[in-house]
PDB file of all heavy atoms in Angstrom:
ATOM      1  N   LYS A   1       0.826  -1.199   0.000  1.00  0.00           N
ATOM      2  CA  LYS A   1       0.000   0.000   0.000  1.00  0.00           C
ATOM      3  C   LYS A   1       0.868   1.260   0.000  1.00  0.00           C
ATOM      4  O   LYS A   1       0.596   2.226  -0.723  1.00  0.00           O
ATOM      5  CB  LYS A   1      -0.935   0.007   1.205  1.00  0.00           C
ATOM      6  CG  LYS A   1      -2.107  -0.943   1.064  1.00  0.00           C
ATOM      7  CD  LYS A   1      -2.982  -0.896   2.299  1.00  0.00           C
ATOM      8  CE  LYS A   1      -4.157  -1.853   2.167  1.00  0.00           C
ATOM      9  NZ  LYS A   1      -5.016  -1.840   3.378  1.00  0.00           N
ATOM     10  N   GLU A   2       1.881   1.208   0.862  1.00  0.00           N
ATOM     11  CA  GLU A   2       2.783   2.361   0.898  1.00  0.00           C
ATOM     12  C   GLU A   2       3.467   2.556  -0.451  1.00  0.00           C
ATOM     13  O   GLU A   2       3.576   3.688  -0.947  1.00  0.00           O
ATOM     14  CB  GLU A   2       3.815   2.151   1.999  1.00  0.00           C
ATOM     15  CG  GLU A   2       3.225   2.312   3.404  1.00  0.00           C
ATOM     16  CD  GLU A   2       4.256   2.047   4.473  1.00  0.00           C
ATOM     17  OE1 GLU A   2       5.389   1.647   4.110  1.00  0.00           O
ATOM     18  OE2 GLU A   2       3.923   2.213   5.669  1.00  0.00           O
ATOM     19  N   GLU A   3       3.887   1.385  -1.004  1.00  0.00           N
ATOM     20  CA  GLU A   3       4.515   1.500  -2.320  1.00  0.00           C
ATOM     21  C   GLU A   3       3.517   2.020  -3.350  1.00  0.00           C
ATOM     22  O   GLU A   3       3.847   2.864  -4.191  1.00  0.00           O
ATOM     23  CB  GLU A   3       5.034   0.129  -2.752  1.00  0.00           C
ATOM     24  CG  GLU A   3       6.278  -0.303  -1.976  1.00  0.00           C
ATOM     25  CD  GLU A   3       6.735  -1.699  -2.350  1.00  0.00           C
ATOM     26  OE1 GLU A   3       6.024  -2.327  -3.179  1.00  0.00           O
ATOM     27  OE2 GLU A   3       7.766  -2.145  -1.836  1.00  0.00           O
ATOM     28  N   GLU A   4       2.267   1.440  -3.241  1.00  0.00           N
ATOM     29  CA  GLU A   4       1.243   1.930  -4.179  1.00  0.00           C
ATOM     30  C   GLU A   4       0.966   3.413  -3.969  1.00  0.00           C
ATOM     31  O   GLU A   4       0.787   4.174  -4.925  1.00  0.00           O
ATOM     32  CB  GLU A   4      -0.049   1.114  -3.990  1.00  0.00           C
ATOM     33  CG  GLU A   4       0.052  -0.311  -4.543  1.00  0.00           C
ATOM     34  CD  GLU A   4      -1.180  -1.121  -4.235  1.00  0.00           C
ATOM     35  OE1 GLU A   4      -2.075  -0.583  -3.528  1.00  0.00           O
ATOM     36  OE2 GLU A   4      -1.271  -2.282  -4.685  1.00  0.00           O
ATOM     37  N   LYS A   5       0.906   3.763  -2.644  1.00  0.00           N
ATOM     38  CA  LYS A   5       0.697   5.181  -2.357  1.00  0.00           C
ATOM     39  C   LYS A   5       1.832   6.025  -2.927  1.00  0.00           C
ATOM     40  O   LYS A   5       1.602   7.094  -3.521  1.00  0.00           O
ATOM     41  CB  LYS A   5       0.594   5.407  -0.852  1.00  0.00           C
ATOM     42  CG  LYS A   5      -0.740   4.963  -0.272  1.00  0.00           C
ATOM     43  CD  LYS A   5      -0.776   5.191   1.222  1.00  0.00           C
ATOM     44  CE  LYS A   5      -2.100   4.744   1.825  1.00  0.00           C
ATOM     45  NZ  LYS A   5      -2.133   4.958   3.293  1.00  0.00           N
ATOM     46  N   LYS A   6       3.030   5.481  -2.706  1.00  0.00           N
ATOM     47  CA  LYS A   6       4.169   6.204  -3.251  1.00  0.00           C
ATOM     48  C   LYS A   6       4.067   6.304  -4.773  1.00  0.00           C
ATOM     49  O   LYS A   6       4.296   7.365  -5.366  1.00  0.00           O
ATOM     50  CB  LYS A   6       5.466   5.505  -2.864  1.00  0.00           C
ATOM     51  CG  LYS A   6       5.833   5.695  -1.403  1.00  0.00           C
ATOM     52  CD  LYS A   6       7.111   4.942  -1.084  1.00  0.00           C
ATOM     53  CE  LYS A   6       7.473   5.115   0.395  1.00  0.00           C
ATOM     54  NZ  LYS A   6       8.721   4.367   0.735  1.00  0.00           N
ATOM     55  N   GLU A   7       3.680   5.133  -5.366  1.00  0.00           N
ATOM     56  CA  GLU A   7       3.529   5.145  -6.815  1.00  0.00           C
ATOM     57  C   GLU A   7       2.402   6.073  -7.239  1.00  0.00           C
ATOM     58  O   GLU A   7       2.513   6.795  -8.250  1.00  0.00           O
ATOM     59  CB  GLU A   7       3.260   3.731  -7.319  1.00  0.00           C
ATOM     60  CG  GLU A   7       4.500   2.833  -7.262  1.00  0.00           C
ATOM     61  CD  GLU A   7       4.209   1.430  -7.685  1.00  0.00           C
ATOM     62  OE1 GLU A   7       3.010   1.134  -7.953  1.00  0.00           O
ATOM     63  OE2 GLU A   7       5.142   0.618  -7.737  1.00  0.00           O
ATOM     64  N   GLU A   8       1.288   5.999  -6.434  1.00  0.00           N
ATOM     65  CA  GLU A   8       0.181   6.901  -6.743  1.00  0.00           C
ATOM     66  C   GLU A   8       0.615   8.357  -6.626  1.00  0.00           C
ATOM     67  O   GLU A   8       0.247   9.207  -7.451  1.00  0.00           O
ATOM     68  CB  GLU A   8      -1.000   6.618  -5.805  1.00  0.00           C
ATOM     69  CG  GLU A   8      -1.745   5.328  -6.152  1.00  0.00           C
ATOM     70  CD  GLU A   8      -2.844   5.044  -5.158  1.00  0.00           C
ATOM     71  OE1 GLU A   8      -2.979   5.827  -4.176  1.00  0.00           O
ATOM     72  OE2 GLU A   8      -3.572   4.057  -5.347  1.00  0.00           O
ATOM     73  N   LYS A   9       1.362   8.583  -5.552  1.00  0.00           N
ATOM     74  CA  LYS A   9       1.866   9.948  -5.392  1.00  0.00           C
ATOM     75  C   LYS A   9       2.759  10.334  -6.567  1.00  0.00           C
ATOM     76  O   LYS A   9       2.661  11.454  -7.098  1.00  0.00           O
ATOM     77  CB  LYS A   9       2.643  10.080  -4.082  1.00  0.00           C
ATOM     78  CG  LYS A   9       1.733  10.102  -2.866  1.00  0.00           C
ATOM     79  CD  LYS A   9       2.553  10.198  -1.594  1.00  0.00           C
ATOM     80  CE  LYS A   9       1.647  10.243  -0.375  1.00  0.00           C
ATOM     81  NZ  LYS A   9       2.421  10.324   0.888  1.00  0.00           N
ATOM     82  N   LYS A  10       3.595   9.357  -6.938  1.00  0.00           N
ATOM     83  CA  LYS A  10       4.452   9.617  -8.082  1.00  0.00           C
ATOM     84  C   LYS A  10       3.611   9.858  -9.327  1.00  0.00           C
ATOM     85  O   LYS A  10       3.855  10.786 -10.110  1.00  0.00           O
ATOM     86  CB  LYS A  10       5.394   8.439  -8.316  1.00  0.00           C
ATOM     87  CG  LYS A  10       6.521   8.354  -7.301  1.00  0.00           C
ATOM     88  CD  LYS A  10       7.387   7.136  -7.596  1.00  0.00           C
ATOM     89  CE  LYS A  10       8.512   7.042  -6.566  1.00  0.00           C
ATOM     90  NZ  LYS A  10       9.356   5.844  -6.817  1.00  0.00           N
ATOM     91  N   ASP A  11       2.543   8.949  -9.463  1.00  0.00           N
ATOM     92  CA  ASP A  11       1.663   9.115 -10.624  1.00  0.00           C
ATOM     93  C   ASP A  11       0.933  10.453 -10.558  1.00  0.00           C
ATOM     94  O   ASP A  11       0.750  11.138 -11.586  1.00  0.00           O
ATOM     95  CB  ASP A  11       0.655   7.963 -10.691  1.00  0.00           C
ATOM     96  CG  ASP A  11       1.329   6.635 -10.989  1.00  0.00           C
ATOM     97  OD1 ASP A  11       2.393   6.651 -11.643  1.00  0.00           O
ATOM     98  OD2 ASP A  11       0.782   5.578 -10.573  1.00  0.00           O
ATOM     99  N   GLU A  12       0.470  10.764  -9.316  1.00  0.00           N
ATOM    100  CA  GLU A  12      -0.216  12.046  -9.150  1.00  0.00           C
ATOM    101  C   GLU A  12       0.707  13.211  -9.503  1.00  0.00           C
ATOM    102  O   GLU A  12       0.304  14.176 -10.164  1.00  0.00           O
ATOM    103  CB  GLU A  12      -0.722  12.178  -7.715  1.00  0.00           C
ATOM    104  CG  GLU A  12      -1.927  11.296  -7.422  1.00  0.00           C
ATOM    105  CD  GLU A  12      -2.356  11.392  -5.969  1.00  0.00           C
ATOM    106  OE1 GLU A  12      -1.663  12.105  -5.199  1.00  0.00           O
ATOM    107  OE2 GLU A  12      -3.357  10.748  -5.608  1.00  0.00           O
ATOM    108  N   LYS A  13       1.936  13.035  -9.024  1.00  0.00           N
ATOM    109  CA  LYS A  13       2.904  14.095  -9.350  1.00  0.00           C
ATOM    110  C   LYS A  13       3.112  14.182 -10.852  1.00  0.00           C
ATOM    111  O   LYS A  13       3.146  15.274 -11.435  1.00  0.00           O
ATOM    112  CB  LYS A  13       4.231  13.815  -8.651  1.00  0.00           C
ATOM    113  CG  LYS A  13       4.201  14.132  -7.175  1.00  0.00           C
ATOM    114  CD  LYS A  13       5.550  13.825  -6.545  1.00  0.00           C
ATOM    115  CE  LYS A  13       5.535  14.150  -5.052  1.00  0.00           C
ATOM    116  NZ  LYS A  13       6.843  13.835  -4.417  1.00  0.00           N
ATOM    117  N   LYS A  14       3.201  12.972 -11.433  1.00  0.00           N
ATOM    118  CA  LYS A  14       3.384  12.942 -12.884  1.00  0.00           C
ATOM    119  C   LYS A  14       2.179  13.550 -13.600  1.00  0.00           C
ATOM    120  O   LYS A  14       2.313  14.330 -14.546  1.00  0.00           O
ATOM    121  CB  LYS A  14       3.601  11.514 -13.358  1.00  0.00           C
ATOM    122  CG  LYS A  14       4.978  10.972 -13.040  1.00  0.00           C
ATOM    123  CD  LYS A  14       5.121   9.540 -13.519  1.00  0.00           C
ATOM    124  CE  LYS A  14       6.495   8.991 -13.173  1.00  0.00           C
ATOM    125  NZ  LYS A  14       6.652   7.588 -13.628  1.00  0.00           N
ATOM    126  N   GLU A  15       0.966  13.131 -13.073  1.00  0.00           N
ATOM    127  CA  GLU A  15      -0.247  13.680 -13.686  1.00  0.00           C
ATOM    128  C   GLU A  15      -0.325  15.188 -13.495  1.00  0.00           C
ATOM    129  O   GLU A  15      -0.715  15.939 -14.406  1.00  0.00           O
ATOM    130  CB  GLU A  15      -1.479  13.012 -13.071  1.00  0.00           C
ATOM    131  CG  GLU A  15      -1.685  11.575 -13.555  1.00  0.00           C
ATOM    132  CD  GLU A  15      -2.863  10.912 -12.887  1.00  0.00           C
ATOM    133  OE1 GLU A  15      -3.493  11.559 -12.002  1.00  0.00           O
ATOM    134  OE2 GLU A  15      -3.152   9.752 -13.224  1.00  0.00           O
ATOM    135  N   GLU A  16       0.033  15.603 -12.266  1.00  0.00           N
ATOM    136  CA  GLU A  16       0.028  17.047 -12.031  1.00  0.00           C
ATOM    137  C   GLU A  16       1.010  17.760 -12.950  1.00  0.00           C
ATOM    138  O   GLU A  16       0.719  18.826 -13.506  1.00  0.00           O
ATOM    139  CB  GLU A  16       0.380  17.324 -10.563  1.00  0.00           C
ATOM    140  CG  GLU A  16      -0.762  16.989  -9.617  1.00  0.00           C
ATOM    141  CD  GLU A  16      -0.372  17.181  -8.172  1.00  0.00           C
ATOM    142  OE1 GLU A  16       0.816  17.528  -7.911  1.00  0.00           O
ATOM    143  OE2 GLU A  16      -1.221  16.971  -7.287  1.00  0.00           O
ATOM    144  N   GLU A  17       2.168  17.084 -13.057  1.00  0.00           N
ATOM    145  CA  GLU A  17       3.143  17.675 -13.968  1.00  0.00           C
ATOM    146  C   GLU A  17       2.609  17.717 -15.399  1.00  0.00           C
ATOM    147  O   GLU A  17       2.758  18.720 -16.106  1.00  0.00           O
ATOM    148  CB  GLU A  17       4.440  16.866 -13.918  1.00  0.00           C
ATOM    149  CG  GLU A  17       5.208  17.068 -12.608  1.00  0.00           C
ATOM    150  CD  GLU A  17       6.420  16.154 -12.525  1.00  0.00           C
ATOM    151  OE1 GLU A  17       6.591  15.330 -13.469  1.00  0.00           O
ATOM    152  OE2 GLU A  17       7.178  16.240 -11.548  1.00  0.00           O
ATOM    153  N   LYS A  18       1.925  16.544 -15.753  1.00  0.00           N
ATOM    154  CA  LYS A  18       1.343  16.515 -17.097  1.00  0.00           C
ATOM    155  C   LYS A  18       0.264  17.583 -17.256  1.00  0.00           C
ATOM    156  O   LYS A  18       0.158  18.242 -18.283  1.00  0.00           O
ATOM    157  CB  LYS A  18       0.756  15.141 -17.379  1.00  0.00           C
ATOM    158  CG  LYS A  18       1.805  14.086 -17.679  1.00  0.00           C
ATOM    159  CD  LYS A  18       1.157  12.736 -17.921  1.00  0.00           C
ATOM    160  CE  LYS A  18       2.218  11.682 -18.195  1.00  0.00           C
ATOM    161  NZ  LYS A  18       1.592  10.354 -18.424  1.00  0.00           N
ATOM    162  N   LYS A  19      -0.582  17.680 -16.179  1.00  0.00           N
ATOM    163  CA  LYS A  19      -1.632  18.691 -16.221  1.00  0.00           C
ATOM    164  C   LYS A  19      -1.042  20.095 -16.333  1.00  0.00           C
ATOM    165  O   LYS A  19      -1.523  20.940 -17.103  1.00  0.00           O
ATOM    166  CB  LYS A  19      -2.497  18.597 -14.968  1.00  0.00           C
ATOM    167  CG  LYS A  19      -3.467  17.436 -14.992  1.00  0.00           C
ATOM    168  CD  LYS A  19      -4.277  17.389 -13.707  1.00  0.00           C
ATOM    169  CE  LYS A  19      -5.224  16.223 -13.718  1.00  0.00           C
ATOM    170  NZ  LYS A  19      -6.025  16.150 -12.456  1.00  0.00           N
ATOM    171  N   GLU A  20      -0.026  20.271 -15.543  1.00  0.00           N
ATOM    172  CA  GLU A  20       0.627  21.589 -15.625  1.00  0.00           C
ATOM    173  C   GLU A  20       1.198  21.836 -17.015  1.00  0.00           C
ATOM    174  O   GLU A  20       1.079  22.930 -17.574  1.00  0.00           O
ATOM    175  CB  GLU A  20       1.724  21.676 -14.564  1.00  0.00           C
ATOM    176  CG  GLU A  20       1.159  21.826 -13.153  1.00  0.00           C
ATOM    177  CD  GLU A  20       2.249  21.826 -12.103  1.00  0.00           C
ATOM    178  OE1 GLU A  20       3.439  21.654 -12.495  1.00  0.00           O
ATOM    179  OE2 GLU A  20       1.925  21.997 -10.905  1.00  0.00           O
ATOM    180  N   GLU A  21       1.803  20.734 -17.525  1.00  0.00           N
ATOM    181  CA  GLU A  21       2.342  20.862 -18.870  1.00  0.00           C
ATOM    182  C   GLU A  21       1.229  21.148 -19.879  1.00  0.00           C
ATOM    183  O   GLU A  21       1.368  22.010 -20.775  1.00  0.00           O
ATOM    184  CB  GLU A  21       3.076  19.582 -19.255  1.00  0.00           C
ATOM    185  CG  GLU A  21       4.411  19.422 -18.539  1.00  0.00           C
ATOM    186  CD  GLU A  21       5.061  18.096 -18.864  1.00  0.00           C
ATOM    187  OE1 GLU A  21       4.438  17.298 -19.618  1.00  0.00           O
ATOM    188  OE2 GLU A  21       6.170  17.846 -18.366  1.00  0.00           O
ATOM    189  N   LYS A  22       0.091  20.389 -19.681  1.00  0.00           N
ATOM    190  CA  LYS A  22      -1.043  20.610 -20.578  1.00  0.00           C
ATOM    191  C   LYS A  22      -1.587  22.028 -20.434  1.00  0.00           C
ATOM    192  O   LYS A  22      -1.945  22.681 -21.418  1.00  0.00           O
ATOM    193  CB  LYS A  22      -2.140  19.605 -20.286  1.00  0.00           C
ATOM    194  CG  LYS A  22      -1.850  18.220 -20.833  1.00  0.00           C
ATOM    195  CD  LYS A  22      -2.989  17.268 -20.513  1.00  0.00           C
ATOM    196  CE  LYS A  22      -2.681  15.877 -21.051  1.00  0.00           C
ATOM    197  NZ  LYS A  22      -3.785  14.935 -20.727  1.00  0.00           N
ATOM    198  N   LYS A  23      -1.675  22.450 -19.152  1.00  0.00           N
ATOM    199  CA  LYS A  23      -2.155  23.823 -18.925  1.00  0.00           C
ATOM    200  C   LYS A  23      -1.247  24.842 -19.596  1.00  0.00           C
ATOM    201  O   LYS A  23      -1.710  25.801 -20.221  1.00  0.00           O
ATOM    202  CB  LYS A  23      -2.225  24.105 -17.420  1.00  0.00           C
ATOM    203  CG  LYS A  23      -3.427  23.473 -16.751  1.00  0.00           C
ATOM    204  CD  LYS A  23      -3.425  23.772 -15.267  1.00  0.00           C
ATOM    205  CE  LYS A  23      -4.595  23.115 -14.575  1.00  0.00           C
ATOM    206  NZ  LYS A  23      -4.610  23.394 -13.117  1.00  0.00           N
ATOM    207  N   GLU A  24       0.008  24.571 -19.408  1.00  0.00           N
ATOM    208  CA  GLU A  24       0.959  25.489 -20.044  1.00  0.00           C
ATOM    209  C   GLU A  24       0.804  25.444 -21.562  1.00  0.00           C
ATOM    210  O   GLU A  24       0.823  26.473 -22.234  1.00  0.00           O
ATOM    211  CB  GLU A  24       2.379  25.122 -19.642  1.00  0.00           C
ATOM    212  CG  GLU A  24       2.691  25.488 -18.195  1.00  0.00           C
ATOM    213  CD  GLU A  24       4.068  25.027 -17.770  1.00  0.00           C
ATOM    214  OE1 GLU A  24       4.739  24.356 -18.603  1.00  0.00           O
ATOM    215  OE2 GLU A  24       4.473  25.308 -16.620  1.00  0.00           O
ATOM    216  N   GLU A  25       0.645  24.187 -22.056  1.00  0.00           N
ATOM    217  CA  GLU A  25       0.449  24.067 -23.501  1.00  0.00           C
ATOM    218  C   GLU A  25      -0.834  24.774 -23.939  1.00  0.00           C
ATOM    219  O   GLU A  25      -0.873  25.447 -24.974  1.00  0.00           O
ATOM    220  CB  GLU A  25       0.384  22.591 -23.885  1.00  0.00           C
ATOM    221  CG  GLU A  25       1.740  21.900 -23.839  1.00  0.00           C
ATOM    222  CD  GLU A  25       1.620  20.421 -24.125  1.00  0.00           C
ATOM    223  OE1 GLU A  25       0.467  19.932 -24.315  1.00  0.00           O
ATOM    224  OE2 GLU A  25       2.659  19.735 -24.139  1.00  0.00           O
ATOM    225  N   LYS A  26      -1.876  24.535 -23.107  1.00  0.00           N
ATOM    226  CA  LYS A  26      -3.132  25.197 -23.445  1.00  0.00           C
ATOM    227  C   LYS A  26      -2.990  26.719 -23.392  1.00  0.00           C
ATOM    228  O   LYS A  26      -3.534  27.429 -24.222  1.00  0.00           O
ATOM    229  CB  LYS A  26      -4.225  24.747 -22.470  1.00  0.00           C
ATOM    230  CG  LYS A  26      -4.768  23.374 -22.770  1.00  0.00           C
ATOM    231  CD  LYS A  26      -5.839  22.989 -21.783  1.00  0.00           C
ATOM    232  CE  LYS A  26      -6.373  21.594 -22.084  1.00  0.00           C
ATOM    233  NZ  LYS A  26      -7.424  21.199 -21.127  1.00  0.00           N
ATOM    234  N   LYS A  27      -2.289  27.107 -22.342  1.00  0.00           N
ATOM    235  CA  LYS A  27      -2.063  28.556 -22.243  1.00  0.00           C
ATOM    236  C   LYS A  27      -1.334  29.065 -23.473  1.00  0.00           C
ATOM    237  O   LYS A  27      -1.680  30.103 -24.050  1.00  0.00           O
ATOM    238  CB  LYS A  27      -1.275  28.882 -20.984  1.00  0.00           C
ATOM    239  CG  LYS A  27      -2.108  28.818 -19.728  1.00  0.00           C
ATOM    240  CD  LYS A  27      -1.250  29.104 -18.499  1.00  0.00           C
ATOM    241  CE  LYS A  27      -2.069  29.010 -17.231  1.00  0.00           C
ATOM    242  NZ  LYS A  27      -1.219  29.290 -16.024  1.00  0.00           N
ATOM    243  N   GLU A  28      -0.326  28.287 -23.824  1.00  0.00           N
ATOM    244  CA  GLU A  28       0.434  28.682 -25.006  1.00  0.00           C
ATOM    245  C   GLU A  28      -0.453  28.650 -26.251  1.00  0.00           C
ATOM    246  O   GLU A  28      -0.408  29.536 -27.100  1.00  0.00           O
ATOM    247  CB  GLU A  28       1.629  27.761 -25.206  1.00  0.00           C
ATOM    248  CG  GLU A  28       2.726  28.016 -24.173  1.00  0.00           C
ATOM    249  CD  GLU A  28       3.855  27.022 -24.293  1.00  0.00           C
ATOM    250  OE1 GLU A  28       3.750  26.108 -25.155  1.00  0.00           O
ATOM    251  OE2 GLU A  28       4.835  27.129 -23.535  1.00  0.00           O
ATOM    252  N   GLU A  29      -1.288  27.538 -26.286  1.00  0.00           N
ATOM    253  CA  GLU A  29      -2.201  27.454 -27.428  1.00  0.00           C
ATOM    254  C   GLU A  29      -3.199  28.595 -27.414  1.00  0.00           C
ATOM    255  O   GLU A  29      -3.565  29.154 -28.450  1.00  0.00           O
ATOM    256  CB  GLU A  29      -2.945  26.114 -27.390  1.00  0.00           C
ATOM    257  CG  GLU A  29      -2.061  24.930 -27.787  1.00  0.00           C
ATOM    258  CD  GLU A  29      -2.777  23.614 -27.635  1.00  0.00           C
ATOM    259  OE1 GLU A  29      -3.964  23.618 -27.184  1.00  0.00           O
ATOM    260  OE2 GLU A  29      -2.184  22.566 -27.946  1.00  0.00           O
TER     261      GLU A  29
END
């Protein structure tokens, strides 16, 4: 669970990063 949480956190971070990237892209778009 901790590993999954860590992975989820990592995934969340990745998703957030992706979202941020998308937002930035959208902003740029």
